[in-house]
Amino acid sequence: MEIDVTHMVDDADEMIELSGSVMEHGNNAGKITWNNSIAYGREHPLLKTDDERDAARDHFAEYGAWSREEIDAWSEEHLQGITCQDVAAAIREMEDSESYEEFMAGVEAGRYSGRVYRGDDGRWYFYLGI
């Protein structure tokens, strides 16, 4: 499933606040970026339908980091926050390239995940899947 993340790509400079490293934020990077992601998800929810929420839960289950029971127990706030953080990380990955064409070449070469992409309609999407 794809979700529209155009507003996040438009605000790409702010994505460091949702997905930044210890080098960028200091020793509390995890806490800082998590709290920012929760707040961002509250203000700009990415998952608007039950189908999108289910797809997101399936997406995170593919990581293997949490049991399905844990994921199913996540609150709406948690699910929105972790989705925002995942999208922000993908946007930051895309920004490593000098152009969209260079990024897509990197995707084809296996250097980038390519989960963020520009649609034919000019909007930006995130693929919920691995």
Protein backbone atom coordinates (compact mmCIF):
# COMPACT_ATOMS: atom_id res chain seq x y z
CA MET A 1 0.00 0.00 0.00
CA GLU A 2 1.14 3.52 -0.72
CA ILE A 3 0.53 6.60 1.40
CA ASP A 4 0.84 10.18 0.24
CA VAL A 5 3.79 11.86 2.00
CA THR A 6 4.09 14.95 -0.20
CA HIS A 7 3.86 17.30 2.77
CA MET A 8 6.81 15.55 4.41
CA VAL A 9 8.97 15.73 1.28
CA ASP A 10 8.04 19.40 0.97
CA ASP A 11 9.31 19.84 4.54
CA ALA A 12 12.38 17.61 4.00
CA ASP A 13 14.65 19.97 5.97
CA GLU A 14 12.59 19.23 9.09
CA MET A 15 12.93 15.45 8.80
CA ILE A 16 16.16 15.53 10.83
CA GLU A 17 13.90 16.28 13.81
CA LEU A 18 12.07 12.98 13.29
CA SER A 19 14.99 10.81 12.25
CA GLY A 20 18.32 12.16 13.40
CA SER A 21 21.38 10.45 14.81
CA VAL A 22 23.36 10.81 18.03
CA MET A 23 25.88 12.80 16.01
CA GLU A 24 23.13 15.25 15.08
CA HIS A 25 21.15 15.39 18.36
CA GLY A 26 23.49 14.10 21.06
CA ASN A 27 23.02 11.19 23.42
CA ASN A 28 19.26 11.71 23.69
CA ALA A 29 18.69 11.40 19.93
CA GLY A 30 16.30 8.46 20.26
CA LYS A 31 14.11 10.18 22.83
CA ILE A 32 14.18 13.50 20.97
CA THR A 33 13.30 12.06 17.56
CA TRP A 34 10.66 9.72 19.01
CA ASN A 35 8.91 12.55 20.86
CA ASN A 36 9.09 14.71 17.73
CA SER A 37 7.66 11.87 15.62
CA ILE A 38 4.76 11.36 18.02
CA ALA A 39 3.97 15.09 17.95
CA TYR A 40 4.29 15.23 14.15
CA GLY A 41 2.01 12.21 13.75
CA ARG A 42 -0.56 13.83 16.01
CA GLU A 43 -0.55 17.01 13.89
CA HIS A 44 -0.11 15.30 10.48
CA PRO A 45 -1.48 11.74 10.66
CA LEU A 46 -0.28 9.66 7.72
CA LEU A 47 -2.59 6.70 8.25
CA LYS A 48 -6.17 7.79 7.71
CA THR A 49 -8.02 4.54 7.05
CA ASP A 50 -8.16 1.13 8.72
CA ASP A 51 -6.65 -0.37 5.55
CA GLU A 52 -3.67 1.99 5.86
CA ARG A 53 -3.29 1.17 9.55
CA ASP A 54 -3.39 -2.56 8.79
CA ALA A 55 -0.82 -2.12 6.00
CA ALA A 56 1.44 -0.19 8.38
CA ARG A 57 1.17 -2.90 11.03
CA ASP A 58 2.04 -5.53 8.38
CA HIS A 59 4.94 -3.34 7.23
CA PHE A 60 6.44 -3.12 10.71
CA ALA A 61 5.89 -6.84 11.31
CA GLU A 62 8.20 -7.48 8.33
CA TYR A 63 11.05 -5.84 10.24
CA GLY A 64 11.07 -8.72 12.70
CA ALA A 65 11.84 -6.40 15.61
CA TRP A 66 8.46 -6.75 17.33
CA SER A 67 6.00 -9.58 17.77
CA ARG A 68 2.65 -9.28 16.04
CA GLU A 69 1.03 -9.07 19.47
CA GLU A 70 3.18 -6.05 20.34
CA ILE A 71 2.40 -4.34 17.04
CA ASP A 72 -1.33 -5.02 17.36
CA ALA A 73 -1.24 -3.44 20.84
CA TRP A 74 0.30 -0.18 19.60
CA SER A 75 -1.88 2.85 20.17
CA GLU A 76 -2.93 5.09 17.31
CA GLU A 77 -0.39 7.64 18.53
CA HIS A 78 2.41 5.06 18.51
CA LEU A 79 1.48 3.74 15.06
CA GLN A 80 1.34 7.24 13.57
CA GLY A 81 4.63 8.21 15.26
CA ILE A 82 6.60 5.18 14.12
CA THR A 83 5.24 5.58 10.59
CA CYS A 84 6.30 9.24 10.52
CA GLN A 85 9.75 8.27 11.77
CA ASP A 86 10.10 5.55 9.11
CA VAL A 87 9.02 7.93 6.34
CA ALA A 88 11.39 10.63 7.61
CA ALA A 89 14.30 8.18 7.50
CA ALA A 90 13.45 7.26 3.89
CA ILE A 91 13.23 10.94 2.91
CA ARG A 92 16.60 11.61 4.50
CA GLU A 93 18.04 8.65 2.58
CA MET A 94 16.73 10.19 -0.65
CA GLU A 95 18.39 13.49 0.19
CA ASP A 96 21.82 11.84 0.02
CA SER A 97 21.50 12.10 -3.77
CA GLU A 98 21.99 15.28 -5.77
CA SER A 99 18.91 14.64 -7.92
CA TYR A 100 15.90 12.38 -8.14
CA GLU A 101 17.45 10.68 -11.14
CA GLU A 102 20.62 9.93 -9.15
CA PHE A 103 18.49 8.62 -6.30
CA MET A 104 16.55 6.31 -8.63
CA ALA A 105 19.82 5.03 -10.09
CA GLY A 106 20.91 4.29 -6.51
CA VAL A 107 17.63 2.45 -5.90
CA GLU A 108 18.17 0.34 -9.01
CA ALA A 109 21.74 -0.39 -7.87
CA GLY A 110 20.49 -1.47 -4.42
CA ARG A 111 22.04 1.45 -2.48
CA TYR A 112 18.68 2.85 -1.36
CA SER A 113 15.39 1.25 -0.41
CA GLY A 114 13.33 3.35 -2.80
CA ARG A 115 10.29 3.32 -0.54
CA VAL A 116 9.80 7.05 -1.20
CA TYR A 117 9.12 7.91 -4.82
CA ARG A 118 7.49 10.54 -6.98
CA GLY A 119 4.26 9.42 -8.61
CA ASP A 120 3.14 10.21 -12.13
CA ASP A 121 0.83 12.81 -10.58
CA GLY A 122 3.83 14.73 -9.17
CA ARG A 123 3.00 13.82 -5.58
CA TRP A 124 5.31 11.82 -3.28
CA TYR A 125 4.46 8.40 -1.90
CA PHE A 126 5.81 5.97 0.65
CA TYR A 127 5.43 2.25 0.05
CA LEU A 128 4.36 0.34 3.14
CA GLY A 129 6.28 -2.85 2.59
CA ILE A 130 9.80 -4.12 2.40
